[in-house]
PDB file of all heavy atoms in Angstrom:
ATOM      1  N   ALA A   1       0.821  -1.217   0.000  1.00  0.00           N
ATOM      2  CA  ALA A   1       0.000   0.000   0.000  1.00  0.00           C
ATOM      3  C   ALA A   1       0.858   1.273   0.000  1.00  0.00           C
ATOM      4  O   ALA A   1       0.565   2.238   0.702  1.00  0.00           O
ATOM      5  CB  ALA A   1      -0.944  -0.006   1.208  1.00  0.00           C
ATOM      6  N   GLY A   2       1.923   1.244  -0.781  1.00  0.00           N
ATOM      7  CA  GLY A   2       2.782   2.416  -0.902  1.00  0.00           C
ATOM      8  C   GLY A   2       3.877   2.545   0.138  1.00  0.00           C
ATOM      9  O   GLY A   2       4.724   3.436   0.047  1.00  0.00           O
ATOM     10  N   ASP A   3       3.889   1.664   1.133  1.00  0.00           N
ATOM     11  CA  ASP A   3       4.918   1.712   2.177  1.00  0.00           C
ATOM     12  C   ASP A   3       5.930   0.601   1.922  1.00  0.00           C
ATOM     13  O   ASP A   3       5.721  -0.552   2.324  1.00  0.00           O
ATOM     14  CB  ASP A   3       4.278   1.541   3.559  1.00  0.00           C
ATOM     15  CG  ASP A   3       5.315   1.569   4.689  1.00  0.00           C
ATOM     16  OD1 ASP A   3       6.518   1.783   4.397  1.00  0.00           O
ATOM     17  OD2 ASP A   3       4.926   1.362   5.856  1.00  0.00           O
ATOM     18  N   TYR A   4       7.037   0.952   1.264  1.00  0.00           N
ATOM     19  CA  TYR A   4       8.009  -0.064   0.866  1.00  0.00           C
ATOM     20  C   TYR A   4       9.120  -0.258   1.895  1.00  0.00           C
ATOM     21  O   TYR A   4      10.131  -0.899   1.603  1.00  0.00           O
ATOM     22  CB  TYR A   4       8.561   0.287  -0.523  1.00  0.00           C
ATOM     23  CG  TYR A   4       7.437   0.403  -1.517  1.00  0.00           C
ATOM     24  CD1 TYR A   4       7.041   1.651  -2.009  1.00  0.00           C
ATOM     25  CD2 TYR A   4       6.728  -0.722  -1.914  1.00  0.00           C
ATOM     26  CE1 TYR A   4       5.977   1.756  -2.887  1.00  0.00           C
ATOM     27  CE2 TYR A   4       5.663  -0.622  -2.795  1.00  0.00           C
ATOM     28  CZ  TYR A   4       5.295   0.624  -3.275  1.00  0.00           C
ATOM     29  OH  TYR A   4       4.230   0.723  -4.133  1.00  0.00           O
ATOM     30  N   SER A   5       8.891   0.284   3.099  1.00  0.00           N
ATOM     31  CA  SER A   5       9.795  -0.019   4.204  1.00  0.00           C
ATOM     32  C   SER A   5       9.402  -1.323   4.884  1.00  0.00           C
ATOM     33  O   SER A   5      10.156  -1.849   5.712  1.00  0.00           O
ATOM     34  CB  SER A   5       9.786   1.119   5.224  1.00  0.00           C
ATOM     35  OG  SER A   5       8.511   1.232   5.848  1.00  0.00           O
ATOM     36  N   LYS A   6       8.242  -1.855   4.535  1.00  0.00           N
ATOM     37  CA  LYS A   6       7.779  -3.110   5.139  1.00  0.00           C
ATOM     38  C   LYS A   6       8.624  -4.291   4.674  1.00  0.00           C
ATOM     39  O   LYS A   6       9.073  -4.343   3.530  1.00  0.00           O
ATOM     40  CB  LYS A   6       6.324  -3.377   4.749  1.00  0.00           C
ATOM     41  CG  LYS A   6       5.294  -2.432   5.309  1.00  0.00           C
ATOM     42  CD  LYS A   6       3.919  -2.873   4.839  1.00  0.00           C
ATOM     43  CE  LYS A   6       2.811  -1.973   5.363  1.00  0.00           C
ATOM     44  NZ  LYS A   6       1.487  -2.398   4.856  1.00  0.00           N
ATOM     45  N   THR A   7       8.796  -5.254   5.574  1.00  0.00           N
ATOM     46  CA  THR A   7       9.419  -6.516   5.199  1.00  0.00           C
ATOM     47  C   THR A   7       8.452  -7.302   4.332  1.00  0.00           C
ATOM     48  O   THR A   7       7.236  -7.299   4.567  1.00  0.00           O
ATOM     49  CB  THR A   7       9.785  -7.333   6.447  1.00  0.00           C
ATOM     50  OG1 THR A   7      10.746  -6.592   7.210  1.00  0.00           O
ATOM     51  CG2 THR A   7      10.361  -8.683   6.078  1.00  0.00           C
ATOM     52  N   ALA A   8       8.961  -7.966   3.314  1.00  0.00           N
ATOM     53  CA  ALA A   8       8.114  -8.738   2.400  1.00  0.00           C
ATOM     54  C   ALA A   8       7.305  -9.790   3.153  1.00  0.00           C
ATOM     55  O   ALA A   8       7.750 -10.309   4.185  1.00  0.00           O
ATOM     56  CB  ALA A   8       8.989  -9.397   1.345  1.00  0.00           C
ATOM     57  N   PRO A   9       6.119 -10.121   2.662  1.00  0.00           N
ATOM     58  CA  PRO A   9       5.269 -11.117   3.329  1.00  0.00           C
ATOM     59  C   PRO A   9       5.945 -12.476   3.441  1.00  0.00           C
ATOM     60  O   PRO A   9       6.860 -12.806   2.675  1.00  0.00           O
ATOM     61  CB  PRO A   9       4.042 -11.190   2.410  1.00  0.00           C
ATOM     62  CG  PRO A   9       4.040  -9.941   1.635  1.00  0.00           C
ATOM     63  CD  PRO A   9       5.477  -9.555   1.463  1.00  0.00           C
ATOM     64  N   LYS A  10       5.453 -13.276   4.372  1.00  0.00           N
ATOM     65  CA  LYS A  10       6.021 -14.594   4.610  1.00  0.00           C
ATOM     66  C   LYS A  10       5.601 -15.611   3.555  1.00  0.00           C
ATOM     67  O   LYS A  10       6.335 -16.572   3.294  1.00  0.00           O
ATOM     68  CB  LYS A  10       5.609 -15.114   5.995  1.00  0.00           C
ATOM     69  CG  LYS A  10       6.218 -14.338   7.154  1.00  0.00           C
ATOM     70  CD  LYS A  10       7.734 -14.477   7.177  1.00  0.00           C
ATOM     71  CE  LYS A  10       8.340 -13.805   8.399  1.00  0.00           C
ATOM     72  NZ  LYS A  10       9.826 -13.881   8.370  1.00  0.00           N
ATOM     73  N   ARG A  11       4.433 -15.431   2.978  1.00  0.00           N
ATOM     74  CA  ARG A  11       3.942 -16.397   1.987  1.00  0.00           C
ATOM     75  C   ARG A  11       3.518 -15.657   0.725  1.00  0.00           C
ATOM     76  O   ARG A  11       2.690 -14.745   0.777  1.00  0.00           O
ATOM     77  CB  ARG A  11       2.797 -17.232   2.554  1.00  0.00           C
ATOM     78  CG  ARG A  11       3.247 -18.152   3.697  1.00  0.00           C
ATOM     79  CD  ARG A  11       2.117 -19.039   4.193  1.00  0.00           C
ATOM     80  NE  ARG A  11       2.622 -20.005   5.146  1.00  0.00           N
ATOM     81  CZ  ARG A  11       2.742 -19.773   6.453  1.00  0.00           C
ATOM     82  NH1 ARG A  11       2.387 -18.595   6.953  1.00  0.00           N
ATOM     83  NH2 ARG A  11       3.224 -20.705   7.255  1.00  0.00           N
ATOM     84  N   LEU A  12       4.092 -16.070  -0.399  1.00  0.00           N
ATOM     85  CA  LEU A  12       3.839 -15.444  -1.690  1.00  0.00           C
ATOM     86  C   LEU A  12       3.340 -16.480  -2.678  1.00  0.00           C
ATOM     87  O   LEU A  12       3.643 -17.681  -2.557  1.00  0.00           O
ATOM     88  CB  LEU A  12       5.119 -14.794  -2.229  1.00  0.00           C
ATOM     89  CG  LEU A  12       5.723 -13.671  -1.393  1.00  0.00           C
ATOM     90  CD1 LEU A  12       7.128 -13.344  -1.884  1.00  0.00           C
ATOM     91  CD2 LEU A  12       4.831 -12.428  -1.449  1.00  0.00           C
ATOM     92  N   LEU A  13       2.617 -16.013  -3.671  1.00  0.00           N
ATOM     93  CA  LEU A  13       2.054 -16.905  -4.678  1.00  0.00           C
ATOM     94  C   LEU A  13       2.112 -16.231  -6.038  1.00  0.00           C
ATOM     95  O   LEU A  13       1.683 -15.089  -6.204  1.00  0.00           O
ATOM     96  CB  LEU A  13       0.605 -17.243  -4.337  1.00  0.00           C
ATOM     97  CG  LEU A  13      -0.018 -18.405  -5.115  1.00  0.00           C
ATOM     98  CD1 LEU A  13       0.558 -19.727  -4.629  1.00  0.00           C
ATOM     99  CD2 LEU A  13      -1.531 -18.402  -4.961  1.00  0.00           C
ATOM    100  N   ILE A  14       2.677 -16.929  -7.012  1.00  0.00           N
ATOM    101  CA  ILE A  14       2.671 -16.481  -8.406  1.00  0.00           C
ATOM    102  C   ILE A  14       1.663 -17.334  -9.152  1.00  0.00           C
ATOM    103  O   ILE A  14       1.740 -18.571  -9.131  1.00  0.00           O
ATOM    104  CB  ILE A  14       4.063 -16.621  -9.044  1.00  0.00           C
ATOM    105  CG1 ILE A  14       5.095 -15.771  -8.287  1.00  0.00           C
ATOM    106  CG2 ILE A  14       4.022 -16.224 -10.517  1.00  0.00           C
ATOM    107  CD1 ILE A  14       6.533 -16.048  -8.700  1.00  0.00           C
ATOM    108  N   VAL A  15       0.709 -16.698  -9.810  1.00  0.00           N
ATOM    109  CA  VAL A  15      -0.357 -17.397 -10.531  1.00  0.00           C
ATOM    110  C   VAL A  15       0.019 -17.466 -12.006  1.00  0.00           C
ATOM    111  O   VAL A  15       0.115 -16.442 -12.682  1.00  0.00           O
ATOM    112  CB  VAL A  15      -1.709 -16.681 -10.359  1.00  0.00           C
ATOM    113  CG1 VAL A  15      -2.814 -17.440 -11.089  1.00  0.00           C
ATOM    114  CG2 VAL A  15      -2.045 -16.534  -8.876  1.00  0.00           C
ATOM    115  N   VAL A  16       0.259 -18.670 -12.506  1.00  0.00           N
ATOM    116  CA  VAL A  16       0.700 -18.865 -13.892  1.00  0.00           C
ATOM    117  C   VAL A  16      -0.470 -19.387 -14.714  1.00  0.00           C
ATOM    118  O   VAL A  16      -1.065 -20.421 -14.380  1.00  0.00           O
ATOM    119  CB  VAL A  16       1.881 -19.842 -13.961  1.00  0.00           C
ATOM    120  CG1 VAL A  16       2.382 -19.978 -15.404  1.00  0.00           C
ATOM    121  CG2 VAL A  16       3.015 -19.377 -13.044  1.00  0.00           C
ATOM    122  N   GLU A  17      -0.783 -18.665 -15.797  1.00  0.00           N
ATOM    123  CA  GLU A  17      -1.949 -18.996 -16.615  1.00  0.00           C
ATOM    124  C   GLU A  17      -1.586 -19.037 -18.088  1.00  0.00           C
ATOM    125  O   GLU A  17      -0.725 -18.283 -18.549  1.00  0.00           O
ATOM    126  CB  GLU A  17      -3.051 -17.944 -16.393  1.00  0.00           C
ATOM    127  CG  GLU A  17      -3.549 -17.914 -14.957  1.00  0.00           C
ATOM    128  CD  GLU A  17      -4.249 -16.605 -14.615  1.00  0.00           C
ATOM    129  OE1 GLU A  17      -3.614 -15.545 -14.803  1.00  0.00           O
ATOM    130  OE2 GLU A  17      -5.402 -16.656 -14.171  1.00  0.00           O
ATOM    131  N   LYS A  18      -2.259 -19.906 -18.816  1.00  0.00           N
ATOM    132  CA  LYS A  18      -2.038 -20.061 -20.250  1.00  0.00           C
ATOM    133  C   LYS A  18      -2.993 -19.158 -21.011  1.00  0.00           C
ATOM    134  O   LYS A  18      -4.210 -19.230 -20.839  1.00  0.00           O
ATOM    135  CB  LYS A  18      -2.269 -21.515 -20.650  1.00  0.00           C
ATOM    136  CG  LYS A  18      -2.177 -21.797 -22.139  1.00  0.00           C
ATOM    137  CD  LYS A  18      -2.501 -23.257 -22.428  1.00  0.00           C
ATOM    138  CE  LYS A  18      -2.491 -23.554 -23.916  1.00  0.00           C
ATOM    139  NZ  LYS A  18      -2.810 -24.977 -24.192  1.00  0.00           N
ATOM    140  N   PRO A  19      -2.475 -18.284 -21.879  1.00  0.00           N
ATOM    141  CA  PRO A  19      -3.357 -17.420 -22.664  1.00  0.00           C
ATOM    142  C   PRO A  19      -3.863 -18.140 -23.907  1.00  0.00           C
ATOM    143  O   PRO A  19      -3.107 -18.798 -24.627  1.00  0.00           O
ATOM    144  CB  PRO A  19      -2.436 -16.259 -23.046  1.00  0.00           C
ATOM    145  CG  PRO A  19      -1.078 -16.871 -23.121  1.00  0.00           C
ATOM    146  CD  PRO A  19      -1.050 -17.996 -22.113  1.00  0.00           C
ATOM    147  N   THR A  20      -5.148 -18.036 -24.169  1.00  0.00           N
ATOM    148  CA  THR A  20      -5.731 -18.623 -25.371  1.00  0.00           C
ATOM    149  C   THR A  20      -6.649 -17.617 -26.047  1.00  0.00           C
ATOM    150  O   THR A  20      -7.253 -16.764 -25.386  1.00  0.00           O
ATOM    151  CB  THR A  20      -6.531 -19.906 -25.072  1.00  0.00           C
ATOM    152  OG1 THR A  20      -7.658 -19.585 -24.244  1.00  0.00           O
ATOM    153  CG2 THR A  20      -5.679 -20.943 -24.368  1.00  0.00           C
ATOM    154  N   VAL A  21      -6.741 -17.721 -27.347  1.00  0.00           N
ATOM    155  CA  VAL A  21      -7.656 -16.915 -28.151  1.00  0.00           C
ATOM    156  C   VAL A  21      -8.496 -17.894 -28.964  1.00  0.00           C
ATOM    157  O   VAL A  21      -7.959 -18.674 -29.758  1.00  0.00           O
ATOM    158  CB  VAL A  21      -6.888 -15.952 -29.075  1.00  0.00           C
ATOM    159  CG1 VAL A  21      -7.856 -15.218 -29.999  1.00  0.00           C
ATOM    160  CG2 VAL A  21      -6.082 -14.958 -28.252  1.00  0.00           C
ATOM    161  N   ASN A  22      -9.798 -17.874 -28.730  1.00  0.00           N
ATOM    162  CA  ASN A  22     -10.704 -18.823 -29.385  1.00  0.00           C
ATOM    163  C   ASN A  22     -10.246 -20.263 -29.180  1.00  0.00           C
ATOM    164  O   ASN A  22     -10.297 -21.098 -30.096  1.00  0.00           O
ATOM    165  CB  ASN A  22     -10.825 -18.512 -30.878  1.00  0.00           C
ATOM    166  CG  ASN A  22     -11.447 -17.153 -31.135  1.00  0.00           C
ATOM    167  OD1 ASN A  22     -12.351 -16.725 -30.414  1.00  0.00           O
ATOM    168  ND2 ASN A  22     -10.964 -16.457 -32.156  1.00  0.00           N
ATOM    169  N   GLY A  23      -9.761 -20.537 -27.981  1.00  0.00           N
ATOM    170  CA  GLY A  23      -9.385 -21.889 -27.610  1.00  0.00           C
ATOM    171  C   GLY A  23      -8.022 -22.341 -28.082  1.00  0.00           C
ATOM    172  O   GLY A  23      -7.662 -23.508 -27.910  1.00  0.00           O
ATOM    173  N   SER A  24      -7.233 -21.443 -28.660  1.00  0.00           N
ATOM    174  CA  SER A  24      -5.940 -21.835 -29.200  1.00  0.00           C
ATOM    175  C   SER A  24      -4.849 -20.881 -28.713  1.00  0.00           C
ATOM    176  O   SER A  24      -5.115 -19.728 -28.385  1.00  0.00           O
ATOM    177  CB  SER A  24      -5.983 -21.829 -30.730  1.00  0.00           C
ATOM    178  OG  SER A  24      -4.776 -22.311 -31.281  1.00  0.00           O
ATOM    179  N   SER A  25      -3.609 -21.369 -28.697  1.00  0.00           N
ATOM    180  CA  SER A  25      -2.452 -20.550 -28.336  1.00  0.00           C
ATOM    181  C   SER A  25      -1.499 -20.489 -29.519  1.00  0.00           C
ATOM    182  O   SER A  25      -1.432 -21.425 -30.320  1.00  0.00           O
ATOM    183  CB  SER A  25      -1.726 -21.136 -27.118  1.00  0.00           C
ATOM    184  OG  SER A  25      -2.565 -21.097 -25.975  1.00  0.00           O
TER     185      SER A  25
END
């Protein structure tokens, strides 16, 4: 929330998704 003096969170998650257009990549 704009305060970058905070220590990073203990648990992080990267959400990886496949992009498709009309069902195809």
